[in-house]
């Protein structure tokens, strides 16, 4: 087992794309287990606090930690992009593991129950919205994320457009997962025939999306560490 792990580490060190391929392979295994053994709570993709949730949560938190390291390793204004990304993905990781978004509407409804202020879900419900309860509460945060990230991406695309494409691909997959969740939580689809197929694709888009964002952060982290090593080498060895 130790030999296998060491071999993987050496493979990743030699070839950058190996990191992404290994993560995608793990993604495929998690999704395959969820597809074949959906009746088991441990693997069911529609249940929280199980193997898929833990796996996805760890990946998201890893993105946060790498981004936080990049904040200290990066010079110039781009360092604040990594700081922002670190806090966003830390929250998403805690949200994934702690089921914050599932309980968030309930907490706010308790606050709004004695207030004249109408909660977001009741407001959008007037216009025919009938889907997952948490999404209306998160829309302002999602829009803010796209605005801030978009500003920094313009800079990344100038000099690092190939790597930035992995981030764009990851975020696009994540948006697709939100759309599928919006569809599969409609009353005429939720818990009806074919519902788990929607759940599978929702989780697949989310899992693969985070993997591409993780690879995006990994590429910058690897480059920063390599540059740091070169700077610390004696002048003779550097030549």
C-alpha atoms as a PDB file:
ATOM      1  CA  UNK A   1       0.000   0.000   0.000  1.00  0.00           C
ATOM      2  CA  UNK A   2       2.833   2.383   0.933  1.00  0.00           C
ATOM      3  CA  UNK A   3       4.634   1.514  -2.317  1.00  0.00           C
ATOM      4  CA  UNK A   4       1.463   2.264  -4.282  1.00  0.00           C
ATOM      5  CA  UNK A   5       1.048   5.660  -2.598  1.00  0.00           C
ATOM      6  CA  UNK A   6       4.715   6.551  -3.173  1.00  0.00           C
ATOM      7  CA  UNK A   7       4.379   5.577  -6.836  1.00  0.00           C
ATOM      8  CA  UNK A   8       1.378   7.894  -7.209  1.00  0.00           C
ATOM      9  CA  UNK A   9       3.291  10.759  -5.589  1.00  0.00           C
ATOM     10  CA  UNK A  10       6.218  10.273  -7.965  1.00  0.00           C
ATOM     11  CA  UNK A  11       3.851  10.112 -10.929  1.00  0.00           C
ATOM     12  CA  UNK A  12       2.195  13.381  -9.891  1.00  0.00           C
ATOM     13  CA  UNK A  13       5.583  15.040  -9.416  1.00  0.00           C
ATOM     14  CA  UNK A  14       6.691  14.078 -12.930  1.00  0.00           C
ATOM     15  CA  UNK A  15       3.465  14.822 -14.782  1.00  0.00           C
ATOM     16  CA  UNK A  16       1.050  17.623 -13.848  1.00  0.00           C
ATOM     17  CA  UNK A  17      -1.958  16.116 -15.605  1.00  0.00           C
ATOM     18  CA  UNK A  18      -1.576  12.942 -13.499  1.00  0.00           C
ATOM     19  CA  UNK A  19      -3.030  14.832 -10.528  1.00  0.00           C
ATOM     20  CA  UNK A  20      -6.213  15.640 -12.438  1.00  0.00           C
ATOM     21  CA  UNK A  21      -6.529  12.113 -13.851  1.00  0.00           C
ATOM     22  CA  UNK A  22      -6.208  10.540 -10.391  1.00  0.00           C
ATOM     23  CA  UNK A  23      -8.812  12.895  -8.904  1.00  0.00           C
ATOM     24  CA  UNK A  24     -11.203  12.247 -11.814  1.00  0.00           C
ATOM     25  CA  UNK A  25     -10.703   8.503 -11.326  1.00  0.00           C
ATOM     26  CA  UNK A  26     -11.678   8.856  -7.659  1.00  0.00           C
ATOM     27  CA  UNK A  27     -14.690  10.917  -8.756  1.00  0.00           C
ATOM     28  CA  UNK A  28     -15.732   8.143 -11.120  1.00  0.00           C
ATOM     29  CA  UNK A  29     -15.425   5.522  -8.356  1.00  0.00           C
ATOM     30  CA  UNK A  30     -17.587   7.561  -5.959  1.00  0.00           C
ATOM     31  CA  UNK A  31     -20.233   8.118  -8.643  1.00  0.00           C
ATOM     32  CA  UNK A  32     -20.159   4.475  -9.710  1.00  0.00           C
ATOM     33  CA  UNK A  33     -20.707   3.339  -6.118  1.00  0.00           C
ATOM     34  CA  UNK A  34     -23.582   5.811  -5.826  1.00  0.00           C
ATOM     35  CA  UNK A  35     -25.100   4.545  -9.072  1.00  0.00           C
ATOM     36  CA  UNK A  36     -24.756   0.803  -8.366  1.00  0.00           C
ATOM     37  CA  UNK A  37     -25.506   0.861  -4.631  1.00  0.00           C
ATOM     38  CA  UNK A  38     -27.938   3.768  -4.413  1.00  0.00           C
ATOM     39  CA  UNK A  39     -30.100   1.844  -1.930  1.00  0.00           C
ATOM     40  CA  UNK A  40     -27.207   1.860   0.571  1.00  0.00           C
ATOM     41  CA  UNK A  41     -27.136   5.002   2.705  1.00  0.00           C
ATOM     42  CA  UNK A  42     -23.332   4.988   2.720  1.00  0.00           C
ATOM     43  CA  UNK A  43     -23.155   5.519  -1.060  1.00  0.00           C
ATOM     44  CA  UNK A  44     -26.484   7.197  -1.874  1.00  0.00           C
ATOM     45  CA  UNK A  45     -25.870  10.488  -3.689  1.00  0.00           C
ATOM     46  CA  UNK A  46     -29.107  12.011  -2.404  1.00  0.00           C
ATOM     47  CA  UNK A  47     -28.208  11.578   1.270  1.00  0.00           C
ATOM     48  CA  UNK A  48     -25.967  13.820   3.343  1.00  0.00           C
ATOM     49  CA  UNK A  49     -23.300  12.790   5.885  1.00  0.00           C
ATOM     50  CA  UNK A  50     -22.067   9.761   3.946  1.00  0.00           C
ATOM     51  CA  UNK A  51     -19.107   8.800   1.735  1.00  0.00           C
ATOM     52  CA  UNK A  52     -19.887  11.067  -1.282  1.00  0.00           C
ATOM     53  CA  UNK A  53     -20.515  14.063   1.003  1.00  0.00           C
ATOM     54  CA  UNK A  54     -17.307  13.489   2.975  1.00  0.00           C
ATOM     55  CA  UNK A  55     -15.279  13.007  -0.210  1.00  0.00           C
ATOM     56  CA  UNK A  56     -16.665  16.142  -1.844  1.00  0.00           C
ATOM     57  CA  UNK A  57     -16.277  18.160   1.365  1.00  0.00           C
ATOM     58  CA  UNK A  58     -12.608  17.193   1.679  1.00  0.00           C
ATOM     59  CA  UNK A  59     -11.931  18.222  -1.922  1.00  0.00           C
ATOM     60  CA  UNK A  60     -13.599  21.597  -1.424  1.00  0.00           C
ATOM     61  CA  UNK A  61     -11.659  22.271   1.787  1.00  0.00           C
ATOM     62  CA  UNK A  62      -8.444  21.247   0.001  1.00  0.00           C
ATOM     63  CA  UNK A  63      -9.160  23.942  -2.610  1.00  0.00           C
ATOM     64  CA  UNK A  64      -9.564  26.410   0.269  1.00  0.00           C
ATOM     65  CA  UNK A  65      -6.256  25.431   1.901  1.00  0.00           C
ATOM     66  CA  UNK A  66      -4.299  25.556  -1.373  1.00  0.00           C
ATOM     67  CA  UNK A  67      -5.832  28.942  -2.206  1.00  0.00           C
ATOM     68  CA  UNK A  68      -4.896  30.257   1.237  1.00  0.00           C
ATOM     69  CA  UNK A  69      -1.284  29.154   0.698  1.00  0.00           C
ATOM     70  CA  UNK A  70      -1.305  30.842  -2.710  1.00  0.00           C
ATOM     71  CA  UNK A  71      -2.358  34.084  -1.040  1.00  0.00           C
ATOM     72  CA  UNK A  72       1.042  34.136   0.701  1.00  0.00           C
ATOM     73  CA  UNK A  73       2.969  32.823  -2.308  1.00  0.00           C
ATOM     74  CA  UNK A  74       1.494  35.280  -4.843  1.00  0.00           C
ATOM     75  CA  UNK A  75       2.669  38.841  -5.367  1.00  0.00           C
ATOM     76  CA  UNK A  76       0.546  41.743  -6.570  1.00  0.00           C
ATOM     77  CA  UNK A  77      -3.212  42.222  -6.554  1.00  0.00           C
ATOM     78  CA  UNK A  78      -3.905  38.655  -7.718  1.00  0.00           C
ATOM     79  CA  UNK A  79      -3.105  37.433  -4.210  1.00  0.00           C
ATOM     80  CA  UNK A  80      -6.491  38.783  -3.070  1.00  0.00           C
ATOM     81  CA  UNK A  81      -8.214  36.547  -5.600  1.00  0.00           C
ATOM     82  CA  UNK A  82      -6.742  33.525  -3.803  1.00  0.00           C
ATOM     83  CA  UNK A  83      -7.757  34.909  -0.418  1.00  0.00           C
ATOM     84  CA  UNK A  84     -11.318  35.409  -1.665  1.00  0.00           C
ATOM     85  CA  UNK A  85     -11.348  31.918  -3.201  1.00  0.00           C
ATOM     86  CA  UNK A  86     -10.037  30.443   0.049  1.00  0.00           C
ATOM     87  CA  UNK A  87     -12.879  31.887   2.140  1.00  0.00           C
ATOM     88  CA  UNK A  88     -15.522  30.960  -0.459  1.00  0.00           C
ATOM     89  CA  UNK A  89     -14.437  27.333  -0.649  1.00  0.00           C
ATOM     90  CA  UNK A  90     -13.946  27.066   3.098  1.00  0.00           C
ATOM     91  CA  UNK A  91     -17.585  28.060   3.499  1.00  0.00           C
ATOM     92  CA  UNK A  92     -18.643  25.648   0.731  1.00  0.00           C
ATOM     93  CA  UNK A  93     -16.696  22.834   2.389  1.00  0.00           C
ATOM     94  CA  UNK A  94     -18.291  23.493   5.763  1.00  0.00           C
ATOM     95  CA  UNK A  95     -21.639  23.823   4.013  1.00  0.00           C
ATOM     96  CA  UNK A  96     -21.180  20.467   2.274  1.00  0.00           C
ATOM     97  CA  UNK A  97     -20.247  18.618   5.460  1.00  0.00           C
ATOM     98  CA  UNK A  98     -22.463  20.560   7.870  1.00  0.00           C
ATOM     99  CA  UNK A  99     -25.596  20.792   5.656  1.00  0.00           C
ATOM    100  CA  UNK A 100     -25.801  24.559   6.178  1.00  0.00           C
ATOM    101  CA  UNK A 101     -27.766  25.317   3.017  1.00  0.00           C
ATOM    102  CA  UNK A 102     -30.406  22.710   3.905  1.00  0.00           C
ATOM    103  CA  UNK A 103     -31.021  24.313   7.316  1.00  0.00           C
ATOM    104  CA  UNK A 104     -30.375  27.949   6.389  1.00  0.00           C
ATOM    105  CA  UNK A 105     -33.975  28.635   5.202  1.00  0.00           C
ATOM    106  CA  UNK A 106     -35.375  27.242   8.451  1.00  0.00           C
ATOM    107  CA  UNK A 107     -33.143  29.515  10.516  1.00  0.00           C
ATOM    108  CA  UNK A 108     -34.144  32.579   8.513  1.00  0.00           C
ATOM    109  CA  UNK A 109     -37.825  31.674   8.549  1.00  0.00           C
ATOM    110  CA  UNK A 110     -37.690  31.666  12.343  1.00  0.00           C
ATOM    111  CA  UNK A 111     -36.181  35.163  12.263  1.00  0.00           C
ATOM    112  CA  UNK A 112     -38.679  36.434   9.699  1.00  0.00           C
ATOM    113  CA  UNK A 113     -41.699  34.854  11.376  1.00  0.00           C
ATOM    114  CA  UNK A 114     -42.079  37.787  13.771  1.00  0.00           C
ATOM    115  CA  UNK A 115     -40.979  40.409  11.297  1.00  0.00           C
ATOM    116  CA  UNK A 116     -42.789  42.402   8.652  1.00  0.00           C
ATOM    117  CA  UNK A 117     -39.940  41.590   6.251  1.00  0.00           C
ATOM    118  CA  UNK A 118     -40.872  38.862   3.794  1.00  0.00           C
ATOM    119  CA  UNK A 119     -38.357  36.037   3.447  1.00  0.00           C
ATOM    120  CA  UNK A 120     -36.846  35.446  -0.033  1.00  0.00           C
ATOM    121  CA  UNK A 121     -38.529  32.085  -0.666  1.00  0.00           C
ATOM    122  CA  UNK A 122     -42.049  33.410  -0.005  1.00  0.00           C
ATOM    123  CA  UNK A 123     -41.289  36.369  -2.248  1.00  0.00           C
ATOM    124  CA  UNK A 124     -40.139  34.356  -5.292  1.00  0.00           C
ATOM    125  CA  UNK A 125     -42.884  31.826  -4.642  1.00  0.00           C
ATOM    126  CA  UNK A 126     -45.399  34.525  -5.619  1.00  0.00           C
ATOM    127  CA  UNK A 127     -43.894  34.508  -9.120  1.00  0.00           C
ATOM    128  CA  UNK A 128     -44.332  30.752  -9.538  1.00  0.00           C
ATOM    129  CA  UNK A 129     -41.031  29.530  -8.095  1.00  0.00           C
ATOM    130  CA  UNK A 130     -41.486  25.969  -6.837  1.00  0.00           C
ATOM    131  CA  UNK A 131     -38.196  24.275  -6.230  1.00  0.00           C
ATOM    132  CA  UNK A 132     -35.426  23.871  -3.648  1.00  0.00           C
ATOM    133  CA  UNK A 133     -35.963  26.225  -0.708  1.00  0.00           C
ATOM    134  CA  UNK A 134     -32.349  27.313  -0.170  1.00  0.00           C
ATOM    135  CA  UNK A 135     -31.510  28.603  -3.667  1.00  0.00           C
ATOM    136  CA  UNK A 136     -33.343  31.991  -3.415  1.00  0.00           C
ATOM    137  CA  UNK A 137     -31.360  32.795  -0.268  1.00  0.00           C
ATOM    138  CA  UNK A 138     -28.034  32.094  -1.988  1.00  0.00           C
ATOM    139  CA  UNK A 139     -28.697  33.963  -5.262  1.00  0.00           C
ATOM    140  CA  UNK A 140     -27.175  37.314  -4.046  1.00  0.00           C
ATOM    141  CA  UNK A 141     -24.023  35.498  -2.892  1.00  0.00           C
ATOM    142  CA  UNK A 142     -23.756  33.528  -6.154  1.00  0.00           C
ATOM    143  CA  UNK A 143     -24.075  36.721  -8.235  1.00  0.00           C
ATOM    144  CA  UNK A 144     -21.465  38.482  -6.066  1.00  0.00           C
ATOM    145  CA  UNK A 145     -19.121  35.522  -6.552  1.00  0.00           C
ATOM    146  CA  UNK A 146     -19.410  35.749 -10.346  1.00  0.00           C
ATOM    147  CA  UNK A 147     -18.794  39.505 -10.365  1.00  0.00           C
ATOM    148  CA  UNK A 148     -15.677  39.335  -8.174  1.00  0.00           C
ATOM    149  CA  UNK A 149     -14.263  36.223  -9.858  1.00  0.00           C
ATOM    150  CA  UNK A 150     -15.012  37.670 -13.297  1.00  0.00           C
ATOM    151  CA  UNK A 151     -12.885  40.750 -12.564  1.00  0.00           C
ATOM    152  CA  UNK A 152      -9.894  38.647 -11.571  1.00  0.00           C
ATOM    153  CA  UNK A 153     -10.382  36.143 -14.392  1.00  0.00           C
ATOM    154  CA  UNK A 154      -9.898  38.914 -16.940  1.00  0.00           C
ATOM    155  CA  UNK A 155      -6.368  39.303 -15.573  1.00  0.00           C
ATOM    156  CA  UNK A 156      -5.749  35.561 -15.498  1.00  0.00           C
ATOM    157  CA  UNK A 157      -6.927  35.107 -19.075  1.00  0.00           C
ATOM    158  CA  UNK A 158      -4.272  37.534 -20.347  1.00  0.00           C
ATOM    159  CA  UNK A 159      -1.264  35.483 -19.237  1.00  0.00           C
ATOM    160  CA  UNK A 160      -2.670  32.205 -17.919  1.00  0.00           C
ATOM    161  CA  UNK A 161      -5.652  31.519 -20.165  1.00  0.00           C
ATOM    162  CA  UNK A 162      -4.947  27.768 -20.480  1.00  0.00           C
ATOM    163  CA  UNK A 163      -5.030  27.274 -16.720  1.00  0.00           C
ATOM    164  CA  UNK A 164      -7.942  29.668 -16.303  1.00  0.00           C
ATOM    165  CA  UNK A 165      -9.985  27.441 -18.616  1.00  0.00           C
ATOM    166  CA  UNK A 166      -9.932  24.707 -15.969  1.00  0.00           C
ATOM    167  CA  UNK A 167     -11.457  27.120 -13.474  1.00  0.00           C
ATOM    168  CA  UNK A 168     -14.093  28.261 -15.983  1.00  0.00           C
ATOM    169  CA  UNK A 169     -14.893  24.626 -16.794  1.00  0.00           C
ATOM    170  CA  UNK A 170     -15.195  23.779 -13.097  1.00  0.00           C
ATOM    171  CA  UNK A 171     -17.482  26.705 -12.323  1.00  0.00           C
ATOM    172  CA  UNK A 172     -19.591  25.893 -15.411  1.00  0.00           C
ATOM    173  CA  UNK A 173     -20.075  22.334 -14.155  1.00  0.00           C
ATOM    174  CA  UNK A 174     -21.012  23.696 -10.744  1.00  0.00           C
ATOM    175  CA  UNK A 175     -23.624  26.001 -12.293  1.00  0.00           C
ATOM    176  CA  UNK A 176     -25.029  23.021 -14.222  1.00  0.00           C
ATOM    177  CA  UNK A 177     -25.374  21.132 -10.931  1.00  0.00           C
ATOM    178  CA  UNK A 178     -27.378  24.051  -9.493  1.00  0.00           C
ATOM    179  CA  UNK A 179     -29.648  24.046 -12.528  1.00  0.00           C
ATOM    180  CA  UNK A 180     -30.237  20.281 -12.300  1.00  0.00           C
ATOM    181  CA  UNK A 181     -31.019  20.626  -8.581  1.00  0.00           C
ATOM    182  CA  UNK A 182     -33.476  23.399  -9.421  1.00  0.00           C
ATOM    183  CA  UNK A 183     -35.187  21.033 -11.882  1.00  0.00           C
ATOM    184  CA  UNK A 184     -35.167  17.869  -9.794  1.00  0.00           C
ATOM    185  CA  UNK A 185     -36.651  19.538  -6.720  1.00  0.00           C
ATOM    186  CA  UNK A 186     -39.763  20.650  -8.560  1.00  0.00           C
ATOM    187  CA  UNK A 187     -42.900  18.994  -7.087  1.00  0.00           C
ATOM    188  CA  UNK A 188     -43.711  16.933 -10.200  1.00  0.00           C
ATOM    189  CA  UNK A 189     -40.159  15.482 -10.369  1.00  0.00           C
ATOM    190  CA  UNK A 190     -38.940  15.189  -6.785  1.00  0.00           C
ATOM    191  CA  UNK A 191     -39.157  11.594  -5.497  1.00  0.00           C
ATOM    192  CA  UNK A 192     -40.977  10.541  -8.663  1.00  0.00           C
ATOM    193  CA  UNK A 193     -39.828   7.994 -11.242  1.00  0.00           C
ATOM    194  CA  UNK A 194     -36.473   9.033 -12.695  1.00  0.00           C
ATOM    195  CA  UNK A 195     -35.715  11.382  -9.802  1.00  0.00           C
ATOM    196  CA  UNK A 196     -32.471   9.604  -8.849  1.00  0.00           C
ATOM    197  CA  UNK A 197     -31.178  10.013 -12.418  1.00  0.00           C
ATOM    198  CA  UNK A 198     -31.435  13.776 -11.960  1.00  0.00           C
ATOM    199  CA  UNK A 199     -29.696  13.449  -8.591  1.00  0.00           C
ATOM    200  CA  UNK A 200     -26.885  11.431 -10.176  1.00  0.00           C
ATOM    201  CA  UNK A 201     -26.177  14.077 -12.812  1.00  0.00           C
ATOM    202  CA  UNK A 202     -26.478  16.884 -10.286  1.00  0.00           C
ATOM    203  CA  UNK A 203     -23.835  15.283  -8.101  1.00  0.00           C
ATOM    204  CA  UNK A 204     -21.691  14.316 -11.115  1.00  0.00           C
ATOM    205  CA  UNK A 205     -21.549  17.918 -12.334  1.00  0.00           C
ATOM    206  CA  UNK A 206     -20.732  19.144  -8.828  1.00  0.00           C
ATOM    207  CA  UNK A 207     -18.062  16.515  -8.169  1.00  0.00           C
ATOM    208  CA  UNK A 208     -16.316  16.977 -11.521  1.00  0.00           C
ATOM    209  CA  UNK A 209     -16.629  20.758 -11.259  1.00  0.00           C
ATOM    210  CA  UNK A 210     -14.799  20.915  -7.948  1.00  0.00           C
ATOM    211  CA  UNK A 211     -12.097  18.617  -9.350  1.00  0.00           C
ATOM    212  CA  UNK A 212     -11.361  21.033 -12.202  1.00  0.00           C
ATOM    213  CA  UNK A 213     -11.194  23.974  -9.780  1.00  0.00           C
ATOM    214  CA  UNK A 214      -8.891  21.918  -7.540  1.00  0.00           C
ATOM    215  CA  UNK A 215      -6.613  21.201 -10.495  1.00  0.00           C
ATOM    216  CA  UNK A 216      -6.615  24.907 -11.395  1.00  0.00           C
ATOM    217  CA  UNK A 217      -5.418  25.801  -7.885  1.00  0.00           C
ATOM    218  CA  UNK A 218      -2.934  22.893  -7.886  1.00  0.00           C
ATOM    219  CA  UNK A 219      -1.241  24.158 -11.080  1.00  0.00           C
ATOM    220  CA  UNK A 220      -0.614  27.598  -9.578  1.00  0.00           C
ATOM    221  CA  UNK A 221       0.471  26.105  -6.250  1.00  0.00           C
ATOM    222  CA  UNK A 222       2.936  23.745  -7.943  1.00  0.00           C
ATOM    223  CA  UNK A 223       4.402  26.565 -10.014  1.00  0.00           C
ATOM    224  CA  UNK A 224       4.729  28.829  -6.958  1.00  0.00           C
ATOM    225  CA  UNK A 225       6.495  26.115  -4.942  1.00  0.00           C
ATOM    226  CA  UNK A 226       8.893  25.376  -7.815  1.00  0.00           C
ATOM    227  CA  UNK A 227       9.748  29.077  -8.130  1.00  0.00           C
ATOM    228  CA  UNK A 228      10.295  29.295  -4.376  1.00  0.00           C
ATOM    229  CA  UNK A 229      12.699  26.339  -4.537  1.00  0.00           C
ATOM    230  CA  UNK A 230      14.669  27.975  -7.341  1.00  0.00           C
ATOM    231  CA  UNK A 231      14.953  31.207  -5.375  1.00  0.00           C
ATOM    232  CA  UNK A 232      16.352  29.330  -2.375  1.00  0.00           C
ATOM    233  CA  UNK A 233      18.942  27.430  -4.434  1.00  0.00           C
ATOM    234  CA  UNK A 234      22.564  28.643  -4.304  1.00  0.00           C
ATOM    235  CA  UNK A 235      23.611  30.626  -7.384  1.00  0.00           C
ATOM    236  CA  UNK A 236      25.948  27.878  -8.663  1.00  0.00           C
ATOM    237  CA  UNK A 237      23.292  25.151  -8.459  1.00  0.00           C
ATOM    238  CA  UNK A 238      20.749  27.427 -10.125  1.00  0.00           C
ATOM    239  CA  UNK A 239      23.036  27.749 -13.119  1.00  0.00           C
END
